[in-house]
Amino acid sequence: MPLFELPKGRISSLRQHPIKEFIDGESGSPDVLLIKSDANVKKILEAILSPKNREDAVIVVKHKSKSPAIGIIADVDFLEWIENTMKKGIPSKGTASQISKKEPDFFHVKETEPLQKAIDVMKERGVTHVVVLDEKKNFVGWVTKRSILRKMGAAIGKPSI
């Protein structure tokens, strides 16, 4: 017997809700999560390692926080870049624009798309979070497996253990 019964109607309808309802408010502040395209290696490392950054990644924007997102640098991408550049010398030079993953590797969802889209992207990519952008490609936040589970948990009530 399962720990709790899932009310099928409520869970199914949640999948059709807009992604913006599931944005994780605990991921970090935009001043840490966003980094300008000309940021150097030191600034990138500081942003990724910041205690205010809970996603271990930064979103690369052109010039200011309200400009469109152009890429992402996750901690594993940054490590890979360091490893590759160490073969050529000390990895002290490089900008966020040069290091970041861009489309199609910079996968994201629009805040107006249904939650199911974010779930599908996470499953396809094997990741625990997805970047959410508005219609102009400005960073809105993250949808995480945790934020989805929190919202679904609230819809079904607490399990009886």
Protein backbone atom coordinates (compact mmCIF):
# COMPACT_ATOMS: atom_id res chain seq x y z
CA MET A 1 0.00 0.00 0.00
CA PRO A 2 1.45 3.42 -0.92
CA LEU A 3 2.34 5.95 1.76
CA PHE A 4 -0.32 8.26 0.38
CA GLU A 5 -2.77 8.35 -2.46
CA LEU A 6 -2.19 10.88 -5.23
CA PRO A 7 -5.32 12.81 -6.10
CA LYS A 8 -4.96 12.31 -9.85
CA GLY A 9 -7.03 15.30 -10.93
CA ARG A 10 -5.02 17.85 -8.94
CA ILE A 11 -1.61 16.50 -10.00
CA SER A 12 -2.60 16.25 -13.67
CA SER A 13 -3.91 19.80 -13.69
CA LEU A 14 -0.72 21.11 -12.05
CA ARG A 15 1.28 19.86 -15.04
CA GLN A 16 -0.65 22.29 -17.23
CA HIS A 17 -0.06 25.31 -14.99
CA PRO A 18 2.41 27.94 -16.26
CA ILE A 19 6.02 27.32 -15.28
CA LYS A 20 6.22 30.75 -13.59
CA GLU A 21 4.10 29.32 -10.73
CA PHE A 22 6.89 26.85 -9.94
CA ILE A 23 9.92 29.16 -9.91
CA ASP A 24 12.18 28.37 -6.99
CA GLY A 25 12.43 31.41 -4.75
CA GLU A 26 15.34 29.84 -2.87
CA SER A 27 17.74 29.46 -5.82
CA GLY A 28 19.58 32.68 -5.17
CA SER A 29 19.46 36.35 -5.87
CA PRO A 30 19.70 37.69 -9.44
CA ASP A 31 22.77 39.79 -8.53
CA VAL A 32 24.65 36.50 -8.01
CA LEU A 33 22.96 34.34 -10.63
CA LEU A 34 23.48 36.81 -13.50
CA ILE A 35 26.91 37.62 -14.83
CA LYS A 36 27.90 39.96 -17.65
CA SER A 37 29.31 38.45 -20.84
CA ASP A 38 32.65 40.21 -20.34
CA ALA A 39 33.14 38.93 -16.77
CA ASN A 40 36.55 37.39 -16.17
CA VAL A 41 37.43 33.98 -14.72
CA LYS A 42 37.76 35.32 -11.17
CA LYS A 43 34.26 36.89 -11.24
CA ILE A 44 32.74 33.73 -12.70
CA LEU A 45 34.31 31.57 -10.00
CA GLU A 46 33.16 33.96 -7.25
CA ALA A 47 29.60 33.91 -8.58
CA ILE A 48 29.43 30.11 -8.91
CA LEU A 49 30.89 29.58 -5.43
CA SER A 50 28.86 32.29 -3.73
CA PRO A 51 26.85 31.01 -0.75
CA LYS A 52 23.93 32.97 -2.22
CA ASN A 53 24.00 30.78 -5.36
CA ARG A 54 22.18 27.49 -4.73
CA GLU A 55 22.24 26.23 -8.32
CA ASP A 56 26.03 26.02 -8.88
CA ALA A 57 25.61 27.87 -12.17
CA VAL A 58 25.37 31.40 -13.51
CA ILE A 59 23.36 32.88 -16.34
CA VAL A 60 25.34 34.98 -18.82
CA VAL A 61 23.69 38.21 -19.98
CA LYS A 62 24.92 40.71 -22.54
CA HIS A 63 25.60 43.85 -20.52
CA LYS A 64 23.14 44.38 -17.69
CA SER A 65 20.74 42.37 -15.58
CA LYS A 66 17.70 43.27 -17.71
CA SER A 67 19.32 42.21 -20.98
CA PRO A 68 18.57 38.85 -22.64
CA ALA A 69 20.27 35.71 -21.37
CA ILE A 70 22.82 34.42 -23.87
CA GLY A 71 24.23 31.40 -22.08
CA ILE A 72 24.90 29.47 -18.90
CA ILE A 73 28.01 28.38 -17.03
CA ALA A 74 27.47 25.45 -14.68
CA ASP A 75 30.16 24.38 -12.25
CA VAL A 76 30.92 21.27 -14.33
CA ASP A 77 31.23 23.36 -17.51
CA PHE A 78 33.65 25.69 -15.76
CA LEU A 79 35.75 22.74 -14.53
CA GLU A 80 35.82 21.34 -18.06
CA TRP A 81 36.98 24.71 -19.42
CA ILE A 82 39.73 24.90 -16.79
CA GLU A 83 40.89 21.38 -17.64
CA ASN A 84 40.98 22.14 -21.38
CA THR A 85 42.81 25.44 -20.96
CA MET A 86 45.34 23.99 -18.49
CA LYS A 87 46.59 21.81 -21.32
CA LYS A 88 47.47 25.06 -23.11
CA GLY A 89 48.69 26.97 -20.04
CA ILE A 90 47.25 28.63 -16.96
CA PRO A 91 43.49 29.24 -17.34
CA SER A 92 43.48 32.84 -16.24
CA LYS A 93 42.10 34.42 -19.38
CA GLY A 94 38.63 33.97 -20.70
CA THR A 95 35.29 35.71 -20.49
CA ALA A 96 31.87 34.48 -19.54
CA SER A 97 30.82 34.76 -23.17
CA GLN A 98 33.69 32.52 -24.27
CA ILE A 99 33.14 29.92 -21.54
CA SER A 100 29.35 29.73 -21.50
CA LYS A 101 27.16 27.17 -23.19
CA LYS A 102 24.90 28.74 -25.76
CA GLU A 103 21.85 27.38 -27.56
CA PRO A 104 21.16 24.53 -28.17
CA ASP A 105 23.27 23.51 -25.14
CA PHE A 106 21.82 26.39 -23.13
CA PHE A 107 18.42 24.84 -22.68
CA HIS A 108 15.65 26.81 -21.05
CA VAL A 109 11.89 27.15 -20.87
CA LYS A 110 9.55 30.11 -21.14
CA GLU A 111 7.67 31.22 -18.04
CA THR A 112 4.35 30.89 -19.89
CA GLU A 113 4.86 27.27 -21.00
CA PRO A 114 3.13 24.48 -19.05
CA LEU A 115 5.04 22.82 -16.23
CA GLN A 116 5.12 19.58 -18.22
CA LYS A 117 7.63 21.23 -20.58
CA ALA A 118 10.08 21.81 -17.70
CA ILE A 119 9.59 18.25 -16.45
CA ASP A 120 10.28 16.89 -19.95
CA VAL A 121 13.46 18.99 -20.31
CA MET A 122 14.74 17.78 -16.92
CA LYS A 123 14.11 14.15 -17.86
CA GLU A 124 15.63 14.48 -21.35
CA ARG A 125 18.74 16.32 -20.11
CA GLY A 126 19.15 14.46 -16.84
CA VAL A 127 19.24 17.68 -14.81
CA THR A 128 17.58 18.84 -11.61
CA HIS A 129 16.85 22.41 -12.66
CA VAL A 130 15.94 24.42 -15.73
CA VAL A 131 16.41 28.11 -16.49
CA VAL A 132 13.18 30.10 -16.95
CA LEU A 133 13.14 33.06 -19.34
CA ASP A 134 10.44 35.55 -20.28
CA GLU A 135 9.33 36.23 -23.86
CA LYS A 136 12.28 38.62 -24.37
CA LYS A 137 14.71 35.97 -23.05
CA ASN A 138 15.31 37.84 -19.79
CA PHE A 139 16.15 35.61 -16.83
CA VAL A 140 13.13 35.04 -14.57
CA GLY A 141 14.41 32.24 -12.33
CA TRP A 142 14.86 28.49 -12.04
CA VAL A 143 12.40 25.66 -11.88
CA THR A 144 13.88 22.85 -9.81
CA LYS A 145 12.71 19.35 -9.04
CA ARG A 146 12.49 20.52 -5.45
CA SER A 147 10.23 23.49 -6.27
CA ILE A 148 7.95 21.21 -8.31
CA LEU A 149 7.76 18.64 -5.52
CA ARG A 150 7.02 21.38 -2.96
CA LYS A 151 4.11 22.66 -5.02
CA MET A 152 2.78 19.17 -5.76
CA GLY A 153 3.19 18.26 -2.10
CA ALA A 154 1.05 21.23 -1.13
CA ALA A 155 -1.60 20.09 -3.62
CA ILE A 156 -1.78 16.55 -2.28
CA GLY A 157 -1.27 17.25 1.42
CA LYS A 158 1.35 15.78 3.70
CA PRO A 159 2.09 12.05 3.50
CA SER A 160 1.09 9.97 6.51
CA ILE A 161 4.19 8.12 7.62
